Amino acid sequence: MPGDAEAAVSHLRRADPVMATLVDLVGPPQLRAADPDPFRALTRAIVYQQLSGRAAGTIHGRLCALFPGGEPEPGGIMSATDEALRGVGLSRQKTAALRDLAAHALTGELTLENVEGWSDDEVIQHLTRVRGVGRWTAEMYLMFSLRRPDVLPVDDLGINRAIMQLYALPALPRPAEVLRIGSPWRPYATYACWYLWRSQDMTPPAPPV
């Protein structure tokens, strides 16, 4: 996907004037490198569900610190006590989700061999069999681990807030409206989402004097 960045920026500029302005403000896209290991990548995604980036990063760091080498592994998650997992800040629901994820990994049910040949929907259907892995978590895996260039998570709060602000909507958009507004971004919706997320971190420009 990194090789698509120039084409994505060019397309977004042409397709959507709001995106063109955002590209000028933010600069070239810099999508973070994800952990190539499916278990660790999904562990991180579960921890980050419904939390701010800072809070989730703290909890994820504490979780990693429980294990040798600072990396959570399926066997380690299964052998860790509930008290230890809850002690790093995980909720009961996320603790149960991580255990189910670990169980799927240990039995081989989480295998993602030949995943490059799978469609986005096939990946989502496969991953959402794990407790606690919903569509949003699977979409994050598509975007950042598989580097799929055209993913649009319609239920992502950060994306929806950015759309509401940048497109002057009276309220957070519903999924159908996100799809409508995002249709010009195809086939580079992942890049558009990165710009929307970044817009939430930016300080608004000073008003003219």
N, C-alpha and C. Protein backbone atom coordinates (compact mmCIF):
# COMPACT_ATOMS: atom_id res chain seq x y z
N MET A 1 0.80 -1.22 0.00
CA MET A 1 0.00 0.00 0.00
C MET A 1 0.83 1.27 0.00
N PRO A 2 2.04 1.32 0.61
CA PRO A 2 2.81 2.55 0.56
C PRO A 2 3.02 3.08 -0.84
N GLY A 3 3.15 2.17 -1.84
CA GLY A 3 3.34 2.62 -3.20
C GLY A 3 2.13 3.31 -3.79
N ASP A 4 0.98 3.14 -3.12
CA ASP A 4 -0.25 3.78 -3.60
C ASP A 4 -0.40 5.21 -3.10
N ALA A 5 0.48 5.67 -2.23
CA ALA A 5 0.28 6.95 -1.56
C ALA A 5 0.19 8.10 -2.55
N GLU A 6 1.08 8.14 -3.51
CA GLU A 6 1.07 9.25 -4.47
C GLU A 6 -0.23 9.24 -5.28
N ALA A 7 -0.63 8.05 -5.74
CA ALA A 7 -1.87 7.94 -6.50
C ALA A 7 -3.07 8.30 -5.64
N ALA A 8 -3.03 7.90 -4.36
CA ALA A 8 -4.14 8.20 -3.47
C ALA A 8 -4.29 9.70 -3.25
N VAL A 9 -3.18 10.37 -3.00
CA VAL A 9 -3.23 11.82 -2.77
C VAL A 9 -3.75 12.53 -4.02
N SER A 10 -3.26 12.12 -5.17
CA SER A 10 -3.70 12.74 -6.41
C SER A 10 -5.21 12.54 -6.62
N HIS A 11 -5.68 11.34 -6.34
CA HIS A 11 -7.11 11.05 -6.50
C HIS A 11 -7.95 11.85 -5.51
N LEU A 12 -7.55 11.89 -4.25
CA LEU A 12 -8.34 12.60 -3.25
C LEU A 12 -8.40 14.09 -3.55
N ARG A 13 -7.31 14.64 -4.03
CA ARG A 13 -7.32 16.06 -4.41
C ARG A 13 -8.36 16.34 -5.50
N ARG A 14 -8.39 15.47 -6.50
CA ARG A 14 -9.30 15.69 -7.62
C ARG A 14 -10.75 15.41 -7.25
N ALA A 15 -10.96 14.42 -6.39
CA ALA A 15 -12.31 13.91 -6.16
C ALA A 15 -13.11 14.71 -5.16
N ASP A 16 -12.43 15.41 -4.23
CA ASP A 16 -13.17 16.02 -3.12
C ASP A 16 -12.43 17.28 -2.67
N PRO A 17 -13.05 18.45 -2.81
CA PRO A 17 -12.36 19.69 -2.40
C PRO A 17 -12.05 19.75 -0.91
N VAL A 18 -12.87 19.11 -0.09
CA VAL A 18 -12.57 19.07 1.35
C VAL A 18 -11.29 18.29 1.58
N MET A 19 -11.16 17.16 0.91
CA MET A 19 -9.95 16.36 1.04
C MET A 19 -8.74 17.10 0.48
N ALA A 20 -8.94 17.84 -0.60
CA ALA A 20 -7.83 18.59 -1.18
C ALA A 20 -7.27 19.58 -0.16
N THR A 21 -8.16 20.27 0.54
CA THR A 21 -7.72 21.22 1.57
C THR A 21 -7.00 20.49 2.70
N LEU A 22 -7.55 19.34 3.10
CA LEU A 22 -6.96 18.58 4.21
C LEU A 22 -5.58 18.05 3.84
N VAL A 23 -5.43 17.60 2.62
CA VAL A 23 -4.12 17.12 2.16
C VAL A 23 -3.10 18.24 2.23
N ASP A 24 -3.49 19.45 1.83
CA ASP A 24 -2.57 20.59 1.89
C ASP A 24 -2.18 20.92 3.32
N LEU A 25 -3.11 20.79 4.25
CA LEU A 25 -2.83 21.12 5.65
C LEU A 25 -1.96 20.07 6.33
N VAL A 26 -2.21 18.81 6.02
CA VAL A 26 -1.56 17.71 6.75
C VAL A 26 -0.26 17.27 6.09
N GLY A 27 -0.24 17.25 4.77
CA GLY A 27 0.94 16.78 4.08
C GLY A 27 0.80 15.33 3.64
N PRO A 28 1.89 14.71 3.20
CA PRO A 28 1.82 13.33 2.69
C PRO A 28 1.33 12.35 3.77
N PRO A 29 0.60 11.32 3.38
CA PRO A 29 0.12 10.33 4.36
C PRO A 29 1.26 9.50 4.93
N GLN A 30 1.16 9.20 6.20
CA GLN A 30 2.18 8.41 6.89
C GLN A 30 1.48 7.37 7.75
N LEU A 31 0.93 6.35 7.12
CA LEU A 31 0.25 5.30 7.86
C LEU A 31 1.27 4.50 8.65
N ARG A 32 0.95 4.26 9.92
CA ARG A 32 1.89 3.56 10.80
C ARG A 32 2.07 2.12 10.35
N ALA A 33 3.26 1.59 10.61
CA ALA A 33 3.53 0.19 10.33
C ALA A 33 2.89 -0.67 11.40
N ALA A 34 2.16 -1.68 11.01
CA ALA A 34 1.47 -2.54 11.97
C ALA A 34 2.31 -3.79 12.25
N ASP A 35 2.02 -4.42 13.38
CA ASP A 35 2.67 -5.69 13.71
C ASP A 35 2.23 -6.73 12.68
N PRO A 36 3.16 -7.42 12.03
CA PRO A 36 2.77 -8.41 11.02
C PRO A 36 2.14 -9.66 11.61
N ASP A 37 2.27 -9.87 12.91
CA ASP A 37 1.71 -11.06 13.55
C ASP A 37 0.22 -10.85 13.80
N PRO A 38 -0.67 -11.70 13.25
CA PRO A 38 -2.11 -11.49 13.41
C PRO A 38 -2.56 -11.45 14.86
N PHE A 39 -2.02 -12.33 15.69
CA PHE A 39 -2.46 -12.36 17.08
C PHE A 39 -2.12 -11.06 17.79
N ARG A 40 -0.89 -10.59 17.63
CA ARG A 40 -0.49 -9.36 18.32
C ARG A 40 -1.25 -8.16 17.76
N ALA A 41 -1.45 -8.13 16.44
CA ALA A 41 -2.18 -7.01 15.84
C ALA A 41 -3.62 -6.96 16.34
N LEU A 42 -4.27 -8.11 16.44
CA LEU A 42 -5.65 -8.15 16.90
C LEU A 42 -5.74 -7.89 18.41
N THR A 43 -4.73 -8.33 19.15
CA THR A 43 -4.68 -8.00 20.58
C THR A 43 -4.67 -6.50 20.77
N ARG A 44 -3.84 -5.83 20.01
CA ARG A 44 -3.76 -4.37 20.10
C ARG A 44 -5.09 -3.74 19.72
N ALA A 45 -5.71 -4.23 18.65
CA ALA A 45 -6.98 -3.65 18.21
C ALA A 45 -8.06 -3.81 19.28
N ILE A 46 -8.10 -4.96 19.95
CA ILE A 46 -9.09 -5.17 21.00
C ILE A 46 -8.85 -4.21 22.15
N VAL A 47 -7.60 -4.05 22.55
CA VAL A 47 -7.28 -3.13 23.65
C VAL A 47 -7.73 -1.71 23.30
N TYR A 48 -7.58 -1.33 22.05
CA TYR A 48 -7.87 0.05 21.63
C TYR A 48 -9.36 0.33 21.41
N GLN A 49 -10.19 -0.69 21.46
CA GLN A 49 -11.62 -0.48 21.22
C GLN A 49 -12.20 0.53 22.21
N GLN A 50 -12.90 1.55 21.67
CA GLN A 50 -13.69 2.50 22.46
C GLN A 50 -12.86 3.28 23.49
N LEU A 51 -11.57 3.46 23.22
CA LEU A 51 -10.71 4.24 24.11
C LEU A 51 -9.96 5.28 23.30
N SER A 52 -9.55 6.35 23.98
CA SER A 52 -8.67 7.31 23.33
C SER A 52 -7.32 6.65 23.08
N GLY A 53 -6.60 7.17 22.11
CA GLY A 53 -5.31 6.59 21.77
C GLY A 53 -4.35 6.57 22.94
N ARG A 54 -4.34 7.65 23.73
CA ARG A 54 -3.40 7.72 24.86
C ARG A 54 -3.72 6.69 25.93
N ALA A 55 -5.00 6.59 26.30
CA ALA A 55 -5.40 5.63 27.34
C ALA A 55 -5.15 4.21 26.88
N ALA A 56 -5.51 3.93 25.63
CA ALA A 56 -5.32 2.58 25.10
C ALA A 56 -3.84 2.23 25.02
N GLY A 57 -3.01 3.19 24.62
CA GLY A 57 -1.58 2.94 24.54
C GLY A 57 -0.98 2.60 25.89
N THR A 58 -1.45 3.27 26.94
CA THR A 58 -0.97 2.97 28.29
C THR A 58 -1.34 1.55 28.70
N ILE A 59 -2.59 1.17 28.46
CA ILE A 59 -3.04 -0.17 28.83
C ILE A 59 -2.31 -1.23 28.01
N HIS A 60 -2.15 -0.97 26.73
CA HIS A 60 -1.46 -1.94 25.89
C HIS A 60 -0.01 -2.11 26.33
N GLY A 61 0.64 -1.01 26.70
CA GLY A 61 2.01 -1.11 27.19
C GLY A 61 2.11 -1.93 28.47
N ARG A 62 1.16 -1.73 29.38
CA ARG A 62 1.15 -2.52 30.61
C ARG A 62 0.90 -3.99 30.33
N LEU A 63 0.01 -4.27 29.37
CA LEU A 63 -0.26 -5.66 29.01
C LEU A 63 0.99 -6.32 28.45
N CYS A 64 1.67 -5.65 27.54
CA CYS A 64 2.89 -6.22 26.96
C CYS A 64 3.95 -6.48 28.01
N ALA A 65 4.01 -5.61 29.01
CA ALA A 65 5.02 -5.74 30.06
C ALA A 65 4.82 -6.99 30.92
N LEU A 66 3.66 -7.61 30.84
CA LEU A 66 3.40 -8.83 31.62
C LEU A 66 4.16 -10.03 31.08
N PHE A 67 4.61 -9.94 29.82
CA PHE A 67 5.11 -11.14 29.15
C PHE A 67 6.59 -11.00 28.79
N PRO A 68 7.31 -12.13 28.78
CA PRO A 68 8.74 -12.10 28.41
C PRO A 68 8.92 -11.50 27.02
N GLY A 69 9.87 -10.62 26.91
CA GLY A 69 10.12 -9.98 25.64
C GLY A 69 9.16 -8.86 25.31
N GLY A 70 8.21 -8.61 26.20
CA GLY A 70 7.28 -7.51 25.99
C GLY A 70 6.27 -7.75 24.88
N GLU A 71 6.02 -9.02 24.54
CA GLU A 71 5.07 -9.34 23.47
C GLU A 71 4.04 -10.33 23.97
N PRO A 72 2.75 -10.01 23.89
CA PRO A 72 1.72 -10.97 24.28
C PRO A 72 1.65 -12.14 23.31
N GLU A 73 1.58 -13.33 23.82
CA GLU A 73 1.45 -14.54 23.01
C GLU A 73 0.23 -15.32 23.49
N PRO A 74 -0.35 -16.17 22.62
CA PRO A 74 -1.57 -16.90 23.02
C PRO A 74 -1.44 -17.68 24.31
N GLY A 75 -0.32 -18.43 24.46
CA GLY A 75 -0.14 -19.21 25.68
C GLY A 75 -0.05 -18.34 26.91
N GLY A 76 0.61 -17.19 26.78
CA GLY A 76 0.73 -16.29 27.91
C GLY A 76 -0.60 -15.69 28.32
N ILE A 77 -1.41 -15.33 27.34
CA ILE A 77 -2.74 -14.79 27.65
C ILE A 77 -3.58 -15.84 28.36
N MET A 78 -3.52 -17.08 27.90
CA MET A 78 -4.34 -18.14 28.50
C MET A 78 -3.88 -18.47 29.92
N SER A 79 -2.58 -18.35 30.17
CA SER A 79 -2.07 -18.71 31.50
C SER A 79 -2.13 -17.55 32.50
N ALA A 80 -2.25 -16.34 32.01
CA ALA A 80 -2.33 -15.18 32.91
C ALA A 80 -3.65 -15.21 33.68
N THR A 81 -3.61 -14.78 34.93
CA THR A 81 -4.82 -14.76 35.73
C THR A 81 -5.70 -13.57 35.33
N ASP A 82 -6.99 -13.70 35.66
CA ASP A 82 -7.89 -12.57 35.42
C ASP A 82 -7.42 -11.34 36.18
N GLU A 83 -6.90 -11.56 37.38
CA GLU A 83 -6.44 -10.44 38.19
C GLU A 83 -5.29 -9.70 37.51
N ALA A 84 -4.38 -10.46 36.91
CA ALA A 84 -3.25 -9.83 36.23
C ALA A 84 -3.72 -9.04 35.02
N LEU A 85 -4.64 -9.61 34.24
CA LEU A 85 -5.12 -8.93 33.04
C LEU A 85 -5.98 -7.72 33.40
N ARG A 86 -6.83 -7.88 34.40
CA ARG A 86 -7.65 -6.75 34.82
C ARG A 86 -6.78 -5.67 35.46
N GLY A 87 -5.66 -6.10 36.06
CA GLY A 87 -4.79 -5.16 36.75
C GLY A 87 -4.10 -4.17 35.82
N VAL A 88 -3.99 -4.51 34.54
CA VAL A 88 -3.37 -3.57 33.60
C VAL A 88 -4.38 -2.57 33.05
N GLY A 89 -5.66 -2.76 33.40
CA GLY A 89 -6.68 -1.82 32.97
C GLY A 89 -7.69 -2.39 31.99
N LEU A 90 -7.62 -3.70 31.72
CA LEU A 90 -8.58 -4.31 30.80
C LEU A 90 -9.92 -4.52 31.49
N SER A 91 -11.00 -4.30 30.74
CA SER A 91 -12.33 -4.59 31.26
C SER A 91 -12.56 -6.10 31.25
N ARG A 92 -13.64 -6.53 31.92
CA ARG A 92 -13.98 -7.95 31.88
C ARG A 92 -14.24 -8.41 30.45
N GLN A 93 -14.92 -7.55 29.68
CA GLN A 93 -15.25 -7.92 28.30
C GLN A 93 -13.99 -8.08 27.46
N LYS A 94 -13.02 -7.18 27.63
CA LYS A 94 -11.79 -7.27 26.83
C LYS A 94 -10.92 -8.43 27.31
N THR A 95 -10.94 -8.72 28.60
CA THR A 95 -10.22 -9.88 29.10
C THR A 95 -10.77 -11.15 28.47
N ALA A 96 -12.10 -11.28 28.42
CA ALA A 96 -12.73 -12.45 27.81
C ALA A 96 -12.43 -12.51 26.32
N ALA A 97 -12.43 -11.35 25.67
CA ALA A 97 -12.14 -11.31 24.24
C ALA A 97 -10.72 -11.77 23.95
N LEU A 98 -9.76 -11.31 24.75
CA LEU A 98 -8.37 -11.71 24.52
C LEU A 98 -8.19 -13.21 24.76
N ARG A 99 -8.89 -13.76 25.73
CA ARG A 99 -8.78 -15.20 25.97
C ARG A 99 -9.37 -15.98 24.79
N ASP A 100 -10.48 -15.51 24.25
CA ASP A 100 -11.08 -16.20 23.10
C ASP A 100 -10.18 -16.08 21.87
N LEU A 101 -9.58 -14.92 21.70
CA LEU A 101 -8.62 -14.73 20.61
C LEU A 101 -7.45 -15.70 20.76
N ALA A 102 -6.93 -15.83 21.99
CA ALA A 102 -5.82 -16.74 22.24
C ALA A 102 -6.22 -18.18 21.98
N ALA A 103 -7.44 -18.56 22.37
CA ALA A 103 -7.91 -19.92 22.14
C ALA A 103 -8.00 -20.22 20.65
N HIS A 104 -8.52 -19.27 19.87
CA HIS A 104 -8.59 -19.46 18.42
C HIS A 104 -7.20 -19.59 17.81
N ALA A 105 -6.24 -18.82 18.33
CA ALA A 105 -4.88 -18.89 17.81
C ALA A 105 -4.24 -20.24 18.13
N LEU A 106 -4.48 -20.74 19.34
CA LEU A 106 -3.85 -21.99 19.76
C LEU A 106 -4.43 -23.19 19.01
N THR A 107 -5.70 -23.14 18.64
CA THR A 107 -6.31 -24.26 17.92
C THR A 107 -6.08 -24.17 16.41
N GLY A 108 -5.51 -23.06 15.95
CA GLY A 108 -5.29 -22.88 14.53
C GLY A 108 -6.47 -22.29 13.79
N GLU A 109 -7.55 -21.95 14.51
CA GLU A 109 -8.73 -21.39 13.85
C GLU A 109 -8.51 -19.96 13.37
N LEU A 110 -7.46 -19.32 13.87
CA LEU A 110 -7.19 -17.94 13.49
C LEU A 110 -6.27 -17.83 12.28
N THR A 111 -5.95 -18.97 11.68
CA THR A 111 -4.99 -18.96 10.59
C THR A 111 -5.42 -17.99 9.49
N LEU A 112 -4.44 -17.26 8.98
CA LEU A 112 -4.70 -16.31 7.89
C LEU A 112 -3.76 -16.59 6.73
N GLU A 113 -3.49 -17.87 6.51
CA GLU A 113 -2.65 -18.26 5.38
C GLU A 113 -3.37 -17.89 4.07
N ASN A 114 -2.59 -17.43 3.13
CA ASN A 114 -3.11 -17.04 1.82
C ASN A 114 -4.13 -15.92 1.90
N VAL A 115 -4.05 -15.12 2.99
CA VAL A 115 -5.05 -14.06 3.19
C VAL A 115 -4.99 -13.01 2.09
N GLU A 116 -3.85 -12.88 1.44
CA GLU A 116 -3.74 -11.86 0.39
C GLU A 116 -4.74 -12.10 -0.74
N GLY A 117 -5.16 -13.34 -0.88
CA GLY A 117 -6.13 -13.65 -1.92
C GLY A 117 -7.57 -13.52 -1.47
N TRP A 118 -7.77 -13.17 -0.20
CA TRP A 118 -9.13 -13.04 0.33
C TRP A 118 -9.67 -11.63 0.05
N SER A 119 -10.98 -11.54 -0.13
CA SER A 119 -11.61 -10.23 -0.23
C SER A 119 -11.70 -9.60 1.16
N ASP A 120 -11.96 -8.31 1.22
CA ASP A 120 -12.14 -7.64 2.50
C ASP A 120 -13.25 -8.30 3.30
N ASP A 121 -14.37 -8.59 2.67
CA ASP A 121 -15.50 -9.21 3.37
C ASP A 121 -15.15 -10.59 3.89
N GLU A 122 -14.36 -11.35 3.15
CA GLU A 122 -13.95 -12.68 3.62
C GLU A 122 -13.08 -12.56 4.87
N VAL A 123 -12.18 -11.59 4.89
CA VAL A 123 -11.35 -11.38 6.08
C VAL A 123 -12.21 -11.00 7.27
N ILE A 124 -13.16 -10.09 7.06
CA ILE A 124 -14.04 -9.65 8.15
C ILE A 124 -14.85 -10.82 8.69
N GLN A 125 -15.42 -11.64 7.81
CA GLN A 125 -16.21 -12.78 8.26
C GLN A 125 -15.37 -13.76 9.06
N HIS A 126 -14.14 -13.95 8.64
CA HIS A 126 -13.24 -14.88 9.34
C HIS A 126 -12.89 -14.37 10.73
N LEU A 127 -12.53 -13.10 10.83
CA LEU A 127 -12.07 -12.55 12.10
C LEU A 127 -13.20 -12.36 13.10
N THR A 128 -14.38 -12.02 12.63
CA THR A 128 -15.48 -11.73 13.57
C THR A 128 -16.07 -12.97 14.21
N ARG A 129 -15.53 -14.12 13.90
CA ARG A 129 -15.92 -15.33 14.65
C ARG A 129 -15.35 -15.31 16.06
N VAL A 130 -14.32 -14.51 16.26
CA VAL A 130 -13.70 -14.40 17.59
C VAL A 130 -14.53 -13.46 18.45
N ARG A 131 -14.79 -13.86 19.67
CA ARG A 131 -15.53 -13.01 20.60
C ARG A 131 -14.77 -11.70 20.81
N GLY A 132 -15.49 -10.60 20.71
CA GLY A 132 -14.87 -9.30 20.94
C GLY A 132 -14.24 -8.70 19.70
N VAL A 133 -14.19 -9.45 18.61
CA VAL A 133 -13.68 -8.91 17.35
C VAL A 133 -14.89 -8.60 16.47
N GLY A 134 -15.29 -7.35 16.47
CA GLY A 134 -16.39 -6.91 15.63
C GLY A 134 -15.90 -6.39 14.31
N ARG A 135 -16.82 -5.83 13.55
CA ARG A 135 -16.46 -5.34 12.22
C ARG A 135 -15.39 -4.26 12.30
N TRP A 136 -15.49 -3.32 13.28
CA TRP A 136 -14.51 -2.24 13.38
C TRP A 136 -13.11 -2.79 13.59
N THR A 137 -12.98 -3.76 14.50
CA THR A 137 -11.66 -4.35 14.78
C THR A 137 -11.10 -5.03 13.53
N ALA A 138 -11.96 -5.75 12.82
CA ALA A 138 -11.52 -6.41 11.59
C ALA A 138 -11.11 -5.37 10.54
N GLU A 139 -11.83 -4.26 10.50
CA GLU A 139 -11.48 -3.20 9.54
C GLU A 139 -10.13 -2.58 9.88
N MET A 140 -9.83 -2.41 11.16
CA MET A 140 -8.52 -1.90 11.54
C MET A 140 -7.42 -2.86 11.10
N TYR A 141 -7.71 -4.16 11.21
CA TYR A 141 -6.73 -5.15 10.76
C TYR A 141 -6.53 -5.06 9.24
N LEU A 142 -7.61 -4.88 8.52
CA LEU A 142 -7.51 -4.72 7.07
C LEU A 142 -6.67 -3.50 6.71
N MET A 143 -6.90 -2.40 7.42
CA MET A 143 -6.23 -1.14 7.08
C MET A 143 -4.76 -1.15 7.43
N PHE A 144 -4.44 -1.61 8.64
CA PHE A 144 -3.08 -1.41 9.14
C PHE A 144 -2.19 -2.64 9.11
N SER A 145 -2.78 -3.83 9.09
CA SER A 145 -1.96 -5.04 8.99
C SER A 145 -1.89 -5.55 7.56
N LEU A 146 -3.04 -5.60 6.88
CA LEU A 146 -3.06 -6.07 5.50
C LEU A 146 -2.85 -4.94 4.51
N ARG A 147 -2.89 -3.70 5.00
CA ARG A 147 -2.62 -2.52 4.18
C ARG A 147 -3.57 -2.43 2.98
N ARG A 148 -4.84 -2.75 3.23
CA ARG A 148 -5.83 -2.63 2.16
C ARG A 148 -6.14 -1.14 1.96
N PRO A 149 -6.15 -0.65 0.72
CA PRO A 149 -6.23 0.79 0.48
C PRO A 149 -7.63 1.38 0.47
N ASP A 150 -8.67 0.54 0.51
CA ASP A 150 -10.02 1.07 0.27
C ASP A 150 -11.00 0.60 1.34
N VAL A 151 -10.67 0.86 2.60
CA VAL A 151 -11.52 0.46 3.73
C VAL A 151 -12.13 1.72 4.34
N LEU A 152 -13.44 1.67 4.61
CA LEU A 152 -14.14 2.83 5.17
C LEU A 152 -14.97 2.36 6.37
N PRO A 153 -14.44 2.49 7.60
CA PRO A 153 -15.17 2.07 8.80
C PRO A 153 -16.27 3.07 9.14
N VAL A 154 -17.50 2.76 8.78
CA VAL A 154 -18.59 3.73 8.92
C VAL A 154 -18.99 3.99 10.36
N ASP A 155 -18.55 3.13 11.28
CA ASP A 155 -18.93 3.30 12.69
C ASP A 155 -17.80 3.85 13.54
N ASP A 156 -16.73 4.30 12.93
CA ASP A 156 -15.60 4.83 13.69
C ASP A 156 -15.93 6.25 14.17
N LEU A 157 -15.88 6.45 15.49
CA LEU A 157 -16.30 7.73 16.05
C LEU A 157 -15.39 8.87 15.59
N GLY A 158 -14.09 8.64 15.54
CA GLY A 158 -13.18 9.70 15.11
C GLY A 158 -13.44 10.12 13.67
N ILE A 159 -13.67 9.16 12.81
CA ILE A 159 -13.97 9.47 11.41
C ILE A 159 -15.30 10.22 11.32
N ASN A 160 -16.30 9.76 12.07
CA ASN A 160 -17.61 10.41 12.00
C ASN A 160 -17.57 11.83 12.56
N ARG A 161 -16.79 12.05 13.60
CA ARG A 161 -16.65 13.42 14.13
C ARG A 161 -15.99 14.33 13.11
N ALA A 162 -14.94 13.81 12.48
CA ALA A 162 -14.24 14.62 11.48
C ALA A 162 -15.15 14.95 10.30
N ILE A 163 -15.92 13.98 9.85
CA ILE A 163 -16.86 14.24 8.75
C ILE A 163 -17.88 15.29 9.15
N MET A 164 -18.42 15.17 10.35
CA MET A 164 -19.41 16.15 10.82
C MET A 164 -18.83 17.56 10.80
N GLN A 165 -17.59 17.70 11.27
CA GLN A 165 -16.97 19.02 11.35
C GLN A 165 -16.57 19.54 9.97
N LEU A 166 -15.92 18.71 9.18
CA LEU A 166 -15.37 19.17 7.90
C LEU A 166 -16.44 19.36 6.83
N TYR A 167 -17.51 18.61 6.93
CA TYR A 167 -18.57 18.72 5.93
C TYR A 167 -19.80 19.46 6.47
N ALA A 168 -19.61 20.12 7.62
CA ALA A 168 -20.62 21.01 8.19
C ALA A 168 -21.98 20.32 8.36
N LEU A 169 -21.96 19.14 8.98
CA LEU A 169 -23.20 18.42 9.24
C LEU A 169 -23.77 18.84 10.59
N PRO A 170 -25.07 18.79 10.77
CA PRO A 170 -25.67 19.18 12.05
C PRO A 170 -25.49 18.14 13.15
N ALA A 171 -25.16 16.90 12.79
CA ALA A 171 -24.99 15.82 13.76
C ALA A 171 -24.05 14.78 13.17
N LEU A 172 -23.65 13.83 14.01
CA LEU A 172 -22.79 12.76 13.51
C LEU A 172 -23.50 12.02 12.38
N PRO A 173 -22.78 11.71 11.31
CA PRO A 173 -23.42 11.04 10.18
C PRO A 173 -23.75 9.59 10.48
N ARG A 174 -24.85 9.13 9.91
CA ARG A 174 -25.19 7.71 9.97
C ARG A 174 -24.38 6.96 8.92
N PRO A 175 -24.29 5.62 9.04
CA PRO A 175 -23.47 4.86 8.09
C PRO A 175 -23.77 5.15 6.62
N ALA A 176 -25.04 5.27 6.27
CA ALA A 176 -25.37 5.52 4.86
C ALA A 176 -24.82 6.86 4.39
N GLU A 177 -24.80 7.85 5.30
CA GLU A 177 -24.27 9.16 4.94
C GLU A 177 -22.76 9.13 4.83
N VAL A 178 -22.12 8.35 5.70
CA VAL A 178 -20.66 8.19 5.58
C VAL A 178 -20.31 7.57 4.23
N LEU A 179 -21.06 6.55 3.84
CA LEU A 179 -20.81 5.92 2.54
C LEU A 179 -21.05 6.88 1.39
N ARG A 180 -22.08 7.72 1.51
CA ARG A 180 -22.37 8.69 0.44
C ARG A 180 -21.25 9.72 0.33
N ILE A 181 -20.87 10.31 1.47
CA ILE A 181 -19.81 11.31 1.46
C ILE A 181 -18.48 10.70 1.02
N GLY A 182 -18.25 9.46 1.42
CA GLY A 182 -16.99 8.81 1.12
C GLY A 182 -16.90 8.17 -0.25
N SER A 183 -18.00 8.14 -0.99
CA SER A 183 -17.97 7.46 -2.29
C SER A 183 -16.93 8.05 -3.25
N PRO A 184 -16.68 9.39 -3.25
CA PRO A 184 -15.64 9.91 -4.15
C PRO A 184 -14.23 9.48 -3.77
N TRP A 185 -14.04 9.02 -2.54
CA TRP A 185 -12.70 8.64 -2.10
C TRP A 185 -12.25 7.31 -2.69
N ARG A 186 -13.20 6.48 -3.12
CA ARG A 186 -12.85 5.17 -3.65
C ARG A 186 -11.95 5.33 -4.88
N PRO A 187 -10.93 4.48 -5.05
CA PRO A 187 -10.59 3.29 -4.26
C PRO A 187 -9.50 3.53 -3.21
N TYR A 188 -9.51 4.71 -2.58
CA TYR A 188 -8.47 5.05 -1.61
C TYR A 188 -9.08 5.54 -0.30
N ALA A 189 -10.16 4.89 0.13
CA ALA A 189 -10.84 5.33 1.34
C ALA A 189 -9.96 5.22 2.58
N THR A 190 -9.07 4.25 2.62
CA THR A 190 -8.18 4.11 3.77
C THR A 190 -7.35 5.38 3.97
N TYR A 191 -6.84 5.93 2.88
CA TYR A 191 -6.05 7.16 2.97
C TYR A 191 -6.92 8.33 3.42
N ALA A 192 -8.13 8.40 2.91
CA ALA A 192 -9.04 9.47 3.34
C ALA A 192 -9.30 9.38 4.83
N CYS A 193 -9.47 8.15 5.33
CA CYS A 193 -9.70 7.97 6.77
C CYS A 193 -8.49 8.44 7.57
N TRP A 194 -7.30 8.15 7.07
CA TRP A 194 -6.09 8.61 7.77
C TRP A 194 -6.11 10.14 7.89
N TYR A 195 -6.46 10.81 6.82
CA TYR A 195 -6.53 12.28 6.86
C TYR A 195 -7.62 12.75 7.83
N LEU A 196 -8.74 12.07 7.85
CA LEU A 196 -9.81 12.45 8.79
C LEU A 196 -9.35 12.28 10.23
N TRP A 197 -8.69 11.17 10.53
CA TRP A 197 -8.16 10.99 11.89
C TRP A 197 -7.16 12.08 12.24
N ARG A 198 -6.27 12.38 11.31
CA ARG A 198 -5.27 13.42 11.58
C ARG A 198 -5.92 14.78 11.81
N SER A 199 -7.02 15.04 11.13
CA SER A 199 -7.67 16.34 11.30
C SER A 199 -8.15 16.54 12.73
N GLN A 200 -8.39 15.47 13.44
CA GLN A 200 -8.85 15.56 14.83
C GLN A 200 -7.71 15.94 15.77
N ASP A 201 -6.47 15.76 15.31
CA ASP A 201 -5.29 16.07 16.14
C ASP A 201 -4.75 17.45 15.88
N MET A 202 -5.28 18.14 14.88
CA MET A 202 -4.70 19.41 14.45
C MET A 202 -5.27 20.58 15.22
N THR A 203 -4.44 21.56 15.42
CA THR A 203 -4.91 22.84 15.98
C THR A 203 -5.52 23.67 14.87
N PRO A 204 -6.73 24.14 15.03
CA PRO A 204 -7.35 24.94 13.96
C PRO A 204 -6.48 26.17 13.65
N PRO A 205 -6.43 26.55 12.39
CA PRO A 205 -5.63 27.72 12.02
C PRO A 205 -6.18 28.97 12.67
N ALA A 206 -5.28 29.92 12.98
CA ALA A 206 -5.71 31.17 13.62
C ALA A 206 -6.57 31.98 12.64
N PRO A 207 -7.56 32.68 13.16
CA PRO A 207 -8.39 33.50 12.28
C PRO A 207 -7.58 34.67 11.74
N PRO A 208 -7.94 35.17 10.55
CA PRO A 208 -7.19 36.29 9.97
C PRO A 208 -7.38 37.53 10.82
N VAL A 209 -6.33 38.38 10.88
CA VAL A 209 -6.41 39.63 11.66
C VAL A 209 -6.64 40.78 10.71
